[in-house]
PDB file of N, CA and C in Angstrom:
ATOM      1  N   MET A   1      31.746   8.144  37.662  1.00  0.00           N
ATOM      2  CA  MET A   1      30.866   8.085  38.711  1.00  0.00           C
ATOM      3  C   MET A   1      29.768   8.751  38.535  1.00  0.00           C
ATOM      4  N   THR A   2      28.671   8.359  39.270  1.00  0.00           N
ATOM      5  CA  THR A   2      27.294   8.935  39.172  1.00  0.00           C
ATOM      6  C   THR A   2      27.272  10.145  40.052  1.00  0.00           C
ATOM      7  N   ASN A   3      26.747  11.277  39.586  1.00  0.00           N
ATOM      8  CA  ASN A   3      26.552  12.359  40.652  1.00  0.00           C
ATOM      9  C   ASN A   3      25.230  12.131  41.475  1.00  0.00           C
ATOM     10  N   PRO A   4      25.273  12.003  42.625  1.00  0.00           N
ATOM     11  CA  PRO A   4      24.097  11.776  43.432  1.00  0.00           C
ATOM     12  C   PRO A   4      23.124  13.025  43.573  1.00  0.00           C
ATOM     13  N   GLN A   5      24.040  14.001  43.034  1.00  0.00           N
ATOM     14  CA  GLN A   5      23.063  15.426  43.219  1.00  0.00           C
ATOM     15  C   GLN A   5      22.175  15.690  42.036  1.00  0.00           C
ATOM     16  N   ILE A   6      22.497  15.081  40.977  1.00  0.00           N
ATOM     17  CA  ILE A   6      21.703  15.339  39.760  1.00  0.00           C
ATOM     18  C   ILE A   6      20.304  14.738  39.880  1.00  0.00           C
ATOM     19  N   ASP A   7      19.405  15.622  39.556  1.00  0.00           N
ATOM     20  CA  ASP A   7      18.086  15.281  39.605  1.00  0.00           C
ATOM     21  C   ASP A   7      17.646  14.812  38.042  1.00  0.00           C
ATOM     22  N   TYR A   8      17.646  13.299  38.093  1.00  0.00           N
ATOM     23  CA  TYR A   8      17.482  12.750  36.608  1.00  0.00           C
ATOM     24  C   TYR A   8      15.981  13.118  36.009  1.00  0.00           C
ATOM     25  N   ALA A   9      15.125  12.941  37.162  1.00  0.00           N
ATOM     26  CA  ALA A   9      13.609  13.135  36.559  1.00  0.00           C
ATOM     27  C   ALA A   9      13.611  14.467  36.219  1.00  0.00           C
ATOM     28  N   ALA A  10      14.077  15.411  36.859  1.00  0.00           N
ATOM     29  CA  ALA A  10      14.189  16.845  36.374  1.00  0.00           C
ATOM     30  C   ALA A  10      14.788  17.046  35.040  1.00  0.00           C
ATOM     31  N   MET A  11      15.955  16.539  34.830  1.00  0.00           N
ATOM     32  CA  MET A  11      16.809  16.612  33.563  1.00  0.00           C
ATOM     33  C   MET A  11      15.841  15.981  32.237  1.00  0.00           C
ATOM     34  N   ALA A  12      15.046  14.775  32.690  1.00  0.00           N
ATOM     35  CA  ALA A  12      14.375  14.011  31.675  1.00  0.00           C
ATOM     36  C   ALA A  12      13.005  15.109  31.357  1.00  0.00           C
ATOM     37  N   ALA A  13      12.647  15.639  32.227  1.00  0.00           N
ATOM     38  CA  ALA A  13      11.354  16.519  32.154  1.00  0.00           C
ATOM     39  C   ALA A  13      11.689  17.534  31.342  1.00  0.00           C
ATOM     40  N   GLN A  14      12.956  18.143  31.369  1.00  0.00           N
ATOM     41  CA  GLN A  14      13.289  19.309  30.790  1.00  0.00           C
ATOM     42  C   GLN A  14      13.705  19.130  29.243  1.00  0.00           C
ATOM     43  N   TRP A  15      14.368  17.819  28.972  1.00  0.00           N
ATOM     44  CA  TRP A  15      14.580  17.382  27.528  1.00  0.00           C
ATOM     45  C   TRP A  15      13.256  17.091  26.961  1.00  0.00           C
ATOM     46  N   ARG A  16      12.137  16.815  27.643  1.00  0.00           N
ATOM     47  CA  ARG A  16      10.778  16.383  26.948  1.00  0.00           C
ATOM     48  C   ARG A  16      10.248  17.573  26.654  1.00  0.00           C
ATOM     49  N   ALA A  17      10.336  18.799  27.770  1.00  0.00           N
ATOM     50  CA  ALA A  17       9.588  20.082  27.232  1.00  0.00           C
ATOM     51  C   ALA A  17      10.485  20.719  26.162  1.00  0.00           C
ATOM     52  N   GLU A  18      11.637  20.625  26.089  1.00  0.00           N
ATOM     53  CA  GLU A  18      12.545  21.077  24.814  1.00  0.00           C
ATOM     54  C   GLU A  18      12.186  20.449  23.421  1.00  0.00           C
ATOM     55  N   ARG A  19      12.122  19.094  23.589  1.00  0.00           N
ATOM     56  CA  ARG A  19      11.489  18.484  22.321  1.00  0.00           C
ATOM     57  C   ARG A  19      10.128  18.737  22.057  1.00  0.00           C
ATOM     58  N   GLU A  20       9.310  18.983  23.020  1.00  0.00           N
ATOM     59  CA  GLU A  20       7.854  19.395  22.682  1.00  0.00           C
ATOM     60  C   GLU A  20       7.941  20.956  22.038  1.00  0.00           C
ATOM     61  N   THR A  21       8.824  21.710  22.461  1.00  0.00           N
ATOM     62  CA  THR A  21       8.911  23.126  21.997  1.00  0.00           C
ATOM     63  C   THR A  21       9.347  22.997  20.664  1.00  0.00           C
ATOM     64  N   THR A  22      10.413  22.230  20.358  1.00  0.00           N
ATOM     65  CA  THR A  22      10.911  21.996  18.870  1.00  0.00           C
ATOM     66  C   THR A  22       9.800  21.467  17.899  1.00  0.00           C
ATOM     67  N   LEU A  23       9.133  20.362  18.419  1.00  0.00           N
ATOM     68  CA  LEU A  23       8.329  19.772  17.553  1.00  0.00           C
ATOM     69  C   LEU A  23       7.166  20.699  17.055  1.00  0.00           C
ATOM     70  N   LYS A  24       6.688  21.587  18.167  1.00  0.00           N
ATOM     71  CA  LYS A  24       5.590  22.558  17.977  1.00  0.00           C
ATOM     72  C   LYS A  24       6.063  23.523  16.908  1.00  0.00           C
ATOM     73  N   ALA A  25       7.222  24.033  17.190  1.00  0.00           N
ATOM     74  CA  ALA A  25       7.824  24.998  16.047  1.00  0.00           C
ATOM     75  C   ALA A  25       7.814  24.437  14.688  1.00  0.00           C
ATOM     76  N   SER A  26       8.441  23.166  14.627  1.00  0.00           N
ATOM     77  CA  SER A  26       8.505  22.595  13.271  1.00  0.00           C
ATOM     78  C   SER A  26       7.018  22.305  12.543  1.00  0.00           C
ATOM     79  N   ARG A  27       6.293  21.907  13.537  1.00  0.00           N
ATOM     80  CA  ARG A  27       4.795  21.735  13.060  1.00  0.00           C
ATOM     81  C   ARG A  27       4.321  22.852  12.467  1.00  0.00           C
ATOM     82  N   THR A  28       4.351  23.986  13.140  1.00  0.00           N
ATOM     83  CA  THR A  28       3.645  25.184  12.798  1.00  0.00           C
ATOM     84  C   THR A  28       4.391  25.572  11.347  1.00  0.00           C
ATOM     85  N   GLU A  29       5.664  25.602  11.302  1.00  0.00           N
ATOM     86  CA  GLU A  29       6.356  25.844   9.963  1.00  0.00           C
ATOM     87  C   GLU A  29       6.078  25.111   8.862  1.00  0.00           C
ATOM     88  N   LEU A  30       5.918  23.752   9.063  1.00  0.00           N
ATOM     89  CA  LEU A  30       5.511  22.714   7.981  1.00  0.00           C
ATOM     90  C   LEU A  30       4.101  22.866   7.822  1.00  0.00           C
ATOM     91  N   LEU A  31       3.253  23.402   8.618  1.00  0.00           N
ATOM     92  CA  LEU A  31       1.868  23.460   8.155  1.00  0.00           C
ATOM     93  C   LEU A  31       1.747  24.656   7.142  1.00  0.00           C
ATOM     94  N   ALA A  32       2.217  25.606   7.519  1.00  0.00           N
ATOM     95  CA  ALA A  32       2.263  26.866   6.665  1.00  0.00           C
ATOM     96  C   ALA A  32       2.741  26.412   5.234  1.00  0.00           C
ATOM     97  N   GLN A  33       3.998  25.830   5.184  1.00  0.00           N
ATOM     98  CA  GLN A  33       4.370  25.323   3.770  1.00  0.00           C
ATOM     99  C   GLN A  33       3.467  24.385   2.983  1.00  0.00           C
ATOM    100  N   LEU A  34       3.017  23.501   3.889  1.00  0.00           N
ATOM    101  CA  LEU A  34       2.140  22.381   3.202  1.00  0.00           C
ATOM    102  C   LEU A  34       0.787  23.066   2.676  1.00  0.00           C
ATOM    103  N   ARG A  35       0.253  23.665   3.502  1.00  0.00           N
ATOM    104  CA  ARG A  35      -1.039  24.498   3.086  1.00  0.00           C
ATOM    105  C   ARG A  35      -0.835  25.508   1.761  1.00  0.00           C
ATOM    106  N   ALA A  36       0.397  26.100   1.810  1.00  0.00           N
ATOM    107  CA  ALA A  36       0.637  26.866   0.767  1.00  0.00           C
ATOM    108  C   ALA A  36       0.750  26.082  -0.523  1.00  0.00           C
ATOM    109  N   LEU A  37       1.102  24.959  -0.657  1.00  0.00           N
ATOM    110  CA  LEU A  37       1.091  24.073  -1.871  1.00  0.00           C
ATOM    111  C   LEU A  37      -0.168  23.421  -2.053  1.00  0.00           C
ATOM    112  N   GLY A  38      -1.287  23.722  -1.153  1.00  0.00           N
ATOM    113  CA  GLY A  38      -2.661  23.148  -1.415  1.00  0.00           C
ATOM    114  C   GLY A  38      -2.639  21.776  -1.069  1.00  0.00           C
ATOM    115  N   ILE A  39      -1.817  21.269  -0.137  1.00  0.00           N
ATOM    116  CA  ILE A  39      -1.837  19.895   0.321  1.00  0.00           C
ATOM    117  C   ILE A  39      -2.776  19.802   1.504  1.00  0.00           C
ATOM    118  N   SER A  40      -3.704  18.678   1.228  1.00  0.00           N
ATOM    119  CA  SER A  40      -4.773  18.348   2.388  1.00  0.00           C
ATOM    120  C   SER A  40      -4.377  17.249   3.306  1.00  0.00           C
ATOM    121  N   GLY A  41      -3.381  16.393   2.898  1.00  0.00           N
ATOM    122  CA  GLY A  41      -3.131  15.285   3.790  1.00  0.00           C
ATOM    123  C   GLY A  41      -1.679  14.752   3.640  1.00  0.00           C
ATOM    124  N   VAL A  42      -0.947  14.467   4.612  1.00  0.00           N
ATOM    125  CA  VAL A  42       0.227  13.912   4.674  1.00  0.00           C
ATOM    126  C   VAL A  42       0.213  12.443   5.231  1.00  0.00           C
ATOM    127  N   THR A  43       0.949  11.683   4.683  1.00  0.00           N
ATOM    128  CA  THR A  43       1.045  10.197   5.297  1.00  0.00           C
ATOM    129  C   THR A  43       2.549   9.942   5.321  1.00  0.00           C
ATOM    130  N   ALA A  44       3.175   9.511   6.427  1.00  0.00           N
ATOM    131  CA  ALA A  44       4.752   9.195   6.483  1.00  0.00           C
ATOM    132  C   ALA A  44       4.766   7.858   7.150  1.00  0.00           C
ATOM    133  N   GLU A  45       5.468   6.686   6.459  1.00  0.00           N
ATOM    134  CA  GLU A  45       5.756   5.667   7.048  1.00  0.00           C
ATOM    135  C   GLU A  45       7.014   5.450   7.584  1.00  0.00           C
ATOM    136  N   TYR A  46       7.361   4.887   8.697  1.00  0.00           N
ATOM    137  CA  TYR A  46       8.571   4.861   9.223  1.00  0.00           C
ATOM    138  C   TYR A  46       8.782   3.368  10.039  1.00  0.00           C
ATOM    139  N   GLU A  47      10.017   3.117  10.072  1.00  0.00           N
ATOM    140  CA  GLU A  47      10.441   1.755  10.574  1.00  0.00           C
ATOM    141  C   GLU A  47      11.730   1.791  11.016  1.00  0.00           C
ATOM    142  N   GLY A  48      12.216   1.220  12.247  1.00  0.00           N
ATOM    143  CA  GLY A  48      13.181   1.217  12.989  1.00  0.00           C
ATOM    144  C   GLY A  48      13.609  -0.217  13.725  1.00  0.00           C
ATOM    145  N   TYR A  49      14.772  -0.779  13.637  1.00  0.00           N
ATOM    146  CA  TYR A  49      15.128  -1.892  14.383  1.00  0.00           C
ATOM    147  C   TYR A  49      16.743  -1.996  14.423  1.00  0.00           C
ATOM    148  N   GLY A  50      17.315  -2.722  15.233  1.00  0.00           N
ATOM    149  CA  GLY A  50      18.737  -3.018  15.304  1.00  0.00           C
ATOM    150  C   GLY A  50      19.365  -1.563  15.550  1.00  0.00           C
ATOM    151  N   ASP A  51      18.922  -0.724  16.416  1.00  0.00           N
ATOM    152  CA  ASP A  51      19.553   0.362  16.530  1.00  0.00           C
ATOM    153  C   ASP A  51      19.519   1.691  15.531  1.00  0.00           C
ATOM    154  N   SER A  52      18.686   1.383  14.714  1.00  0.00           N
ATOM    155  CA  SER A  52      18.625   2.548  13.396  1.00  0.00           C
ATOM    156  C   SER A  52      17.333   2.411  12.773  1.00  0.00           C
ATOM    157  N   GLY A  53      17.182   3.287  11.905  1.00  0.00           N
ATOM    158  CA  GLY A  53      15.749   3.256  11.270  1.00  0.00           C
ATOM    159  C   GLY A  53      15.559   4.616  10.199  1.00  0.00           C
ATOM    160  N   ASN A  54      14.471   4.755   9.665  1.00  0.00           N
ATOM    161  CA  ASN A  54      14.107   5.911   8.987  1.00  0.00           C
ATOM    162  C   ASN A  54      12.605   5.882   8.591  1.00  0.00           C
ATOM    163  N   VAL A  55      12.315   7.105   7.901  1.00  0.00           N
ATOM    164  CA  VAL A  55      11.109   7.084   7.170  1.00  0.00           C
ATOM    165  C   VAL A  55      11.032   6.533   5.929  1.00  0.00           C
ATOM    166  N   GLU A  56      10.101   5.426   5.444  1.00  0.00           N
ATOM    167  CA  GLU A  56      10.481   4.916   4.370  1.00  0.00           C
ATOM    168  C   GLU A  56       9.660   5.646   3.260  1.00  0.00           C
ATOM    169  N   ASP A  57       8.687   6.242   3.682  1.00  0.00           N
ATOM    170  CA  ASP A  57       7.953   6.815   2.642  1.00  0.00           C
ATOM    171  C   ASP A  57       6.999   7.786   2.870  1.00  0.00           C
ATOM    172  N   VAL A  58       6.904   9.142   2.161  1.00  0.00           N
ATOM    173  CA  VAL A  58       6.166  10.278   2.554  1.00  0.00           C
ATOM    174  C   VAL A  58       5.198  10.501   1.262  1.00  0.00           C
ATOM    175  N   THR A  59       3.931  10.526   1.692  1.00  0.00           N
ATOM    176  CA  THR A  59       3.033  10.895   0.612  1.00  0.00           C
ATOM    177  C   THR A  59       1.992  11.889   1.001  1.00  0.00           C
ATOM    178  N   VAL A  60       1.428  12.648  -0.162  1.00  0.00           N
ATOM    179  CA  VAL A  60       0.540  13.854   0.144  1.00  0.00           C
ATOM    180  C   VAL A  60      -0.751  13.629  -0.729  1.00  0.00           C
ATOM    181  N   GLN A  61      -1.758  14.314  -0.309  1.00  0.00           N
ATOM    182  CA  GLN A  61      -2.900  14.296  -0.987  1.00  0.00           C
ATOM    183  C   GLN A  61      -3.162  15.956  -1.135  1.00  0.00           C
ATOM    184  N   PRO A  62      -3.634  16.246  -2.319  1.00  0.00           N
ATOM    185  CA  PRO A  62      -3.975  15.570  -3.517  1.00  0.00           C
ATOM    186  C   PRO A  62      -2.605  14.985  -4.056  1.00  0.00           C
ATOM    187  N   ALA A  63      -2.678  13.626  -4.697  1.00  0.00           N
ATOM    188  CA  ALA A  63      -1.500  12.741  -5.253  1.00  0.00           C
ATOM    189  C   ALA A  63      -0.944  13.660  -6.440  1.00  0.00           C
ATOM    190  N   GLU A  64      -1.539  14.834  -7.011  1.00  0.00           N
ATOM    191  CA  GLU A  64      -0.905  15.366  -8.056  1.00  0.00           C
ATOM    192  C   GLU A  64       0.010  16.445  -7.725  1.00  0.00           C
ATOM    193  N   VAL A  65      -0.103  16.674  -6.429  1.00  0.00           N
ATOM    194  CA  VAL A  65       0.817  17.834  -5.867  1.00  0.00           C
ATOM    195  C   VAL A  65       2.239  17.182  -5.617  1.00  0.00           C
ATOM    196  N   GLN A  66       3.285  17.670  -6.312  1.00  0.00           N
ATOM    197  CA  GLN A  66       4.580  17.403  -6.100  1.00  0.00           C
ATOM    198  C   GLN A  66       5.191  17.930  -4.914  1.00  0.00           C
ATOM    199  N   LEU A  67       5.610  17.166  -3.837  1.00  0.00           N
ATOM    200  CA  LEU A  67       6.178  17.636  -2.618  1.00  0.00           C
ATOM    201  C   LEU A  67       7.827  17.886  -2.885  1.00  0.00           C
ATOM    202  N   PRO A  68       8.313  19.106  -2.867  1.00  0.00           N
ATOM    203  CA  PRO A  68       9.702  19.311  -3.118  1.00  0.00           C
ATOM    204  C   PRO A  68      10.574  18.422  -2.197  1.00  0.00           C
ATOM    205  N   GLU A  69      11.670  17.934  -2.784  1.00  0.00           N
ATOM    206  CA  GLU A  69      12.471  17.127  -1.978  1.00  0.00           C
ATOM    207  C   GLU A  69      12.930  17.592  -0.667  1.00  0.00           C
ATOM    208  N   PRO A  70      13.296  19.010  -0.583  1.00  0.00           N
ATOM    209  CA  PRO A  70      13.750  19.323   0.838  1.00  0.00           C
ATOM    210  C   PRO A  70      12.774  19.305   1.838  1.00  0.00           C
ATOM    211  N   LEU A  71      11.423  19.718   1.300  1.00  0.00           N
ATOM    212  CA  LEU A  71      10.201  19.636   2.282  1.00  0.00           C
ATOM    213  C   LEU A  71       9.789  18.322   2.553  1.00  0.00           C
ATOM    214  N   ALA A  72       9.862  17.403   1.666  1.00  0.00           N
ATOM    215  CA  ALA A  72       9.690  15.918   1.897  1.00  0.00           C
ATOM    216  C   ALA A  72      10.648  15.456   3.136  1.00  0.00           C
ATOM    217  N   THR A  73      11.919  15.908   2.993  1.00  0.00           N
ATOM    218  CA  THR A  73      12.870  15.421   4.029  1.00  0.00           C
ATOM    219  C   THR A  73      12.601  16.078   5.368  1.00  0.00           C
ATOM    220  N   GLU A  74      11.955  17.337   5.444  1.00  0.00           N
ATOM    221  CA  GLU A  74      11.716  18.061   6.552  1.00  0.00           C
ATOM    222  C   GLU A  74      10.454  17.430   7.101  1.00  0.00           C
ATOM    223  N   VAL A  75       9.639  16.874   6.355  1.00  0.00           N
ATOM    224  CA  VAL A  75       8.355  16.099   6.782  1.00  0.00           C
ATOM    225  C   VAL A  75       8.589  14.845   7.584  1.00  0.00           C
ATOM    226  N   GLY A  76       9.458  14.193   6.517  1.00  0.00           N
ATOM    227  CA  GLY A  76      10.127  12.854   7.177  1.00  0.00           C
ATOM    228  C   GLY A  76      10.851  12.957   8.558  1.00  0.00           C
ATOM    229  N   ASP A  77      11.572  14.163   8.699  1.00  0.00           N
ATOM    230  CA  ASP A  77      12.371  14.264   9.996  1.00  0.00           C
ATOM    231  C   ASP A  77      11.376  14.581  11.096  1.00  0.00           C
ATOM    232  N   PHE A  78      10.399  15.326  10.773  1.00  0.00           N
ATOM    233  CA  PHE A  78       9.166  15.664  11.887  1.00  0.00           C
ATOM    234  C   PHE A  78       8.603  14.438  12.066  1.00  0.00           C
ATOM    235  N   ALA A  79       8.186  13.538  11.105  1.00  0.00           N
ATOM    236  CA  ALA A  79       7.371  12.406  11.532  1.00  0.00           C
ATOM    237  C   ALA A  79       8.252  11.420  12.408  1.00  0.00           C
ATOM    238  N   TRP A  80       9.566  11.311  12.004  1.00  0.00           N
ATOM    239  CA  TRP A  80      10.219  10.519  12.783  1.00  0.00           C
ATOM    240  C   TRP A  80      10.549  11.194  14.122  1.00  0.00           C
ATOM    241  N   SER A  81      10.641  12.198  14.344  1.00  0.00           N
ATOM    242  CA  SER A  81      10.940  12.946  15.545  1.00  0.00           C
ATOM    243  C   SER A  81       9.547  12.775  16.583  1.00  0.00           C
ATOM    244  N   LEU A  82       8.475  12.952  16.035  1.00  0.00           N
ATOM    245  CA  LEU A  82       7.347  12.917  16.711  1.00  0.00           C
ATOM    246  C   LEU A  82       7.048  11.407  17.155  1.00  0.00           C
ATOM    247  N   ALA A  83       7.389  10.517  16.227  1.00  0.00           N
ATOM    248  CA  ALA A  83       7.183   8.981  16.755  1.00  0.00           C
ATOM    249  C   ALA A  83       8.060   8.720  17.812  1.00  0.00           C
ATOM    250  N   TYR A  84       9.389   9.301  17.745  1.00  0.00           N
ATOM    251  CA  TYR A  84      10.483   9.103  18.662  1.00  0.00           C
ATOM    252  C   TYR A  84      10.221   9.554  20.047  1.00  0.00           C
ATOM    253  N   HIS A  85       9.423  10.750  19.924  1.00  0.00           N
ATOM    254  CA  HIS A  85       9.060  11.630  21.120  1.00  0.00           C
ATOM    255  C   HIS A  85       7.907  10.806  21.888  1.00  0.00           C
ATOM    256  N   HIS A  86       7.009  10.021  21.391  1.00  0.00           N
ATOM    257  CA  HIS A  86       5.817   9.356  21.690  1.00  0.00           C
ATOM    258  C   HIS A  86       6.344   7.925  22.180  1.00  0.00           C
ATOM    259  N   HIS A  87       7.455   7.451  21.466  1.00  0.00           N
ATOM    260  CA  HIS A  87       7.767   6.037  21.678  1.00  0.00           C
ATOM    261  C   HIS A  87       9.225   6.034  21.821  1.00  0.00           C
ATOM    262  N   PRO A  88       9.955   6.742  22.582  1.00  0.00           N
ATOM    263  CA  PRO A  88      11.461   6.842  22.589  1.00  0.00           C
ATOM    264  C   PRO A  88      11.947   5.302  22.596  1.00  0.00           C
ATOM    265  N   GLY A  89      13.151   5.291  21.960  1.00  0.00           N
ATOM    266  CA  GLY A  89      13.846   4.003  21.896  1.00  0.00           C
ATOM    267  C   GLY A  89      13.209   2.884  20.879  1.00  0.00           C
ATOM    268  N   PHE A  90      12.197   3.131  20.140  1.00  0.00           N
ATOM    269  CA  PHE A  90      11.379   2.294  19.411  1.00  0.00           C
ATOM    270  C   PHE A  90      12.277   1.664  18.444  1.00  0.00           C
ATOM    271  N   GLU A  91      13.337   2.221  18.116  1.00  0.00           N
ATOM    272  CA  GLU A  91      14.351   1.729  16.757  1.00  0.00           C
ATOM    273  C   GLU A  91      15.326   0.899  17.579  1.00  0.00           C
ATOM    274  N   ASN A  92      15.318   0.412  18.699  1.00  0.00           N
ATOM    275  CA  ASN A  92      16.302  -0.541  19.213  1.00  0.00           C
ATOM    276  C   ASN A  92      15.722  -1.857  19.062  1.00  0.00           C
ATOM    277  N   ASN A  93      16.734  -2.802  19.224  1.00  0.00           N
ATOM    278  CA  ASN A  93      16.451  -4.177  19.281  1.00  0.00           C
ATOM    279  C   ASN A  93      15.518  -4.650  18.186  1.00  0.00           C
ATOM    280  N   GLU A  94      14.446  -5.306  18.319  1.00  0.00           N
ATOM    281  CA  GLU A  94      13.548  -5.760  17.461  1.00  0.00           C
ATOM    282  C   GLU A  94      12.777  -4.674  16.662  1.00  0.00           C
ATOM    283  N   GLY A  95      12.865  -3.488  17.420  1.00  0.00           N
ATOM    284  CA  GLY A  95      12.372  -2.242  16.739  1.00  0.00           C
ATOM    285  C   GLY A  95      10.605  -2.077  16.688  1.00  0.00           C
ATOM    286  N   GLY A  96      10.416  -1.067  15.757  1.00  0.00           N
ATOM    287  CA  GLY A  96       9.021  -0.657  15.865  1.00  0.00           C
ATOM    288  C   GLY A  96       8.671  -0.148  14.543  1.00  0.00           C
ATOM    289  N   TYR A  97       7.374   0.159  14.155  1.00  0.00           N
ATOM    290  CA  TYR A  97       7.246   0.799  12.676  1.00  0.00           C
ATOM    291  C   TYR A  97       5.888   1.544  13.105  1.00  0.00           C
ATOM    292  N   GLY A  98       5.520   2.283  12.082  1.00  0.00           N
ATOM    293  CA  GLY A  98       4.288   3.118  12.312  1.00  0.00           C
ATOM    294  C   GLY A  98       3.880   4.017  10.973  1.00  0.00           C
ATOM    295  N   THR A  99       2.772   4.757  11.072  1.00  0.00           N
ATOM    296  CA  THR A  99       2.412   5.658  10.024  1.00  0.00           C
ATOM    297  C   THR A  99       1.778   6.836  10.943  1.00  0.00           C
ATOM    298  N   LEU A 100       2.409   7.861  10.389  1.00  0.00           N
ATOM    299  CA  LEU A 100       1.921   9.272  10.863  1.00  0.00           C
ATOM    300  C   LEU A 100       0.922   9.595   9.560  1.00  0.00           C
ATOM    301  N   THR A 101      -0.235   9.830  10.135  1.00  0.00           N
ATOM    302  CA  THR A 101      -1.247  10.562   9.280  1.00  0.00           C
ATOM    303  C   THR A 101      -1.827  11.974   9.626  1.00  0.00           C
ATOM    304  N   TRP A 102      -1.519  13.083   8.819  1.00  0.00           N
ATOM    305  CA  TRP A 102      -1.672  14.450   9.260  1.00  0.00           C
ATOM    306  C   TRP A 102      -2.546  14.906   8.380  1.00  0.00           C
ATOM    307  N   ASP A 103      -3.770  15.272   8.865  1.00  0.00           N
ATOM    308  CA  ASP A 103      -4.891  16.098   8.215  1.00  0.00           C
ATOM    309  C   ASP A 103      -4.476  17.545   8.263  1.00  0.00           C
ATOM    310  N   ILE A 104      -4.087  18.173   7.176  1.00  0.00           N
ATOM    311  CA  ILE A 104      -3.644  19.376   7.114  1.00  0.00           C
ATOM    312  C   ILE A 104      -4.733  20.501   7.229  1.00  0.00           C
ATOM    313  N   ALA A 105      -5.979  20.326   6.929  1.00  0.00           N
ATOM    314  CA  ALA A 105      -7.163  21.206   6.938  1.00  0.00           C
ATOM    315  C   ALA A 105      -7.249  21.338   8.369  1.00  0.00           C
ATOM    316  N   LEU A 106      -7.343  20.170   9.296  1.00  0.00           N
ATOM    317  CA  LEU A 106      -7.634  20.245  10.513  1.00  0.00           C
ATOM    318  C   LEU A 106      -6.513  20.295  11.675  1.00  0.00           C
ATOM    319  N   ASP A 107      -5.369  20.167  10.864  1.00  0.00           N
ATOM    320  CA  ASP A 107      -4.080  20.290  11.822  1.00  0.00           C
ATOM    321  C   ASP A 107      -4.211  19.079  12.615  1.00  0.00           C
ATOM    322  N   SER A 108      -4.532  17.955  12.372  1.00  0.00           N
ATOM    323  CA  SER A 108      -4.908  16.800  13.200  1.00  0.00           C
ATOM    324  C   SER A 108      -3.927  15.622  12.919  1.00  0.00           C
ATOM    325  N   ILE A 109      -3.189  15.244  13.821  1.00  0.00           N
ATOM    326  CA  ILE A 109      -2.227  14.168  13.395  1.00  0.00           C
ATOM    327  C   ILE A 109      -2.637  12.706  14.081  1.00  0.00           C
ATOM    328  N   THR A 110      -2.550  11.770  13.501  1.00  0.00           N
ATOM    329  CA  THR A 110      -2.774  10.425  14.048  1.00  0.00           C
ATOM    330  C   THR A 110      -1.535   9.789  13.860  1.00  0.00           C
ATOM    331  N   LEU A 111      -0.916   8.994  15.061  1.00  0.00           N
ATOM    332  CA  LEU A 111       0.087   8.113  15.210  1.00  0.00           C
ATOM    333  C   LEU A 111      -0.207   6.772  15.298  1.00  0.00           C
ATOM    334  N   ASP A 112      -0.010   5.849  14.370  1.00  0.00           N
ATOM    335  CA  ASP A 112      -0.463   4.446  14.376  1.00  0.00           C
ATOM    336  C   ASP A 112       0.912   3.820  14.553  1.00  0.00           C
ATOM    337  N   HIS A 113       1.415   3.361  15.665  1.00  0.00           N
ATOM    338  CA  HIS A 113       2.657   2.780  15.957  1.00  0.00           C
ATOM    339  C   HIS A 113       2.485   1.251  16.357  1.00  0.00           C
ATOM    340  N   ALA A 114       3.436   0.507  16.194  1.00  0.00           N
ATOM    341  CA  ALA A 114       3.732  -0.922  16.807  1.00  0.00           C
ATOM    342  C   ALA A 114       5.053  -1.178  17.046  1.00  0.00           C
ATOM    343  N   ASP A 115       5.219  -1.710  18.440  1.00  0.00           N
ATOM    344  CA  ASP A 115       6.481  -2.293  18.774  1.00  0.00           C
ATOM    345  C   ASP A 115       6.617  -3.528  18.485  1.00  0.00           C
ATOM    346  N   ARG A 116       7.821  -4.077  18.208  1.00  0.00           N
ATOM    347  CA  ARG A 116       8.144  -5.701  17.958  1.00  0.00           C
ATOM    348  C   ARG A 116       8.945  -6.100  19.167  1.00  0.00           C
ATOM    349  N   TYR A 117       8.754  -7.033  19.675  1.00  0.00           N
ATOM    350  CA  TYR A 117       9.194  -7.692  20.899  1.00  0.00           C
ATOM    351  C   TYR A 117       9.545  -9.104  20.985  1.00  0.00           C
ATOM    352  N   VAL A 118      10.449  -9.808  21.500  1.00  0.00           N
ATOM    353  CA  VAL A 118      10.829 -11.268  21.621  1.00  0.00           C
ATOM    354  C   VAL A 118      10.204 -11.677  22.926  1.00  0.00           C
ATOM    355  N   GLU A 119       9.318 -12.554  22.874  1.00  0.00           N
ATOM    356  CA  GLU A 119       8.723 -13.263  23.922  1.00  0.00           C
ATOM    357  C   GLU A 119       9.463 -14.570  24.162  1.00  0.00           C
ATOM    358  N   CYS A 120       9.704 -14.777  25.400  1.00  0.00           N
ATOM    359  CA  CYS A 120      10.205 -16.219  25.951  1.00  0.00           C
ATOM    360  C   CYS A 120       9.521 -16.751  26.933  1.00  0.00           C
ATOM    361  N   SER A 121       9.091 -17.888  26.670  1.00  0.00           N
ATOM    362  CA  SER A 121       8.386 -18.779  27.789  1.00  0.00           C
ATOM    363  C   SER A 121       9.329 -19.941  28.316  1.00  0.00           C
ATOM    364  N   HIS A 122       9.575 -19.911  29.479  1.00  0.00           N
ATOM    365  CA  HIS A 122      10.499 -20.745  30.109  1.00  0.00           C
ATOM    366  C   HIS A 122       9.940 -21.650  31.112  1.00  0.00           C
ATOM    367  N   SER A 123      10.267 -23.124  31.158  1.00  0.00           N
ATOM    368  CA  SER A 123       9.846 -23.623  32.289  1.00  0.00           C
ATOM    369  C   SER A 123      11.122 -24.596  32.616  1.00  0.00           C
ATOM    370  N   TYR A 124      10.950 -25.037  33.921  1.00  0.00           N
ATOM    371  CA  TYR A 124      12.064 -25.973  34.463  1.00  0.00           C
ATOM    372  C   TYR A 124      11.473 -27.046  35.223  1.00  0.00           C
ATOM    373  N   ASP A 125      11.713 -28.095  35.034  1.00  0.00           N
ATOM    374  CA  ASP A 125      10.879 -29.214  35.635  1.00  0.00           C
ATOM    375  C   ASP A 125      11.971 -30.196  36.210  1.00  0.00           C
ATOM    376  N   GLU A 126      12.024 -30.467  37.666  1.00  0.00           N
ATOM    377  CA  GLU A 126      13.198 -31.292  38.023  1.00  0.00           C
ATOM    378  C   GLU A 126      12.399 -32.507  38.865  1.00  0.00           C
ATOM    379  N   GLY A 127      12.947 -33.596  38.807  1.00  0.00           N
ATOM    380  CA  GLY A 127      12.442 -34.708  39.699  1.00  0.00           C
ATOM    381  C   GLY A 127      11.116 -35.189  39.275  1.00  0.00           C
ATOM    382  N   LEU A 128      10.658 -35.031  37.915  1.00  0.00           N
ATOM    383  CA  LEU A 128       9.266 -35.490  37.603  1.00  0.00           C
ATOM    384  C   LEU A 128       9.025 -37.105  37.736  1.00  0.00           C
TER     385      LEU A 128
END
């Protein structure tokens, strides 16, 4: 049974604030690690549909820098979390996909995201 005393808007705002705090901490930590490796840019491609999804690819610039696997996983997790934070539930049904591009020198992130959906056009004609 639903508790009418629960303020769902306040709860959602609290969850959003907690996610923002976590994302900010992750971003700061990753930024330091990526800069230490001499990385100037990161690109992460992600896709989700049918209630699941993942990061498809993480690449860095300069290309000759090898991103250690644990760090690549962390960057992928960060990319997924950031995309989900800005487009919650995008992995459901027809899903969505996108690319996170992170300029490490400027600490500037661009999120290019697309949602898929099914469109239905219905008409009903009687007594024509």
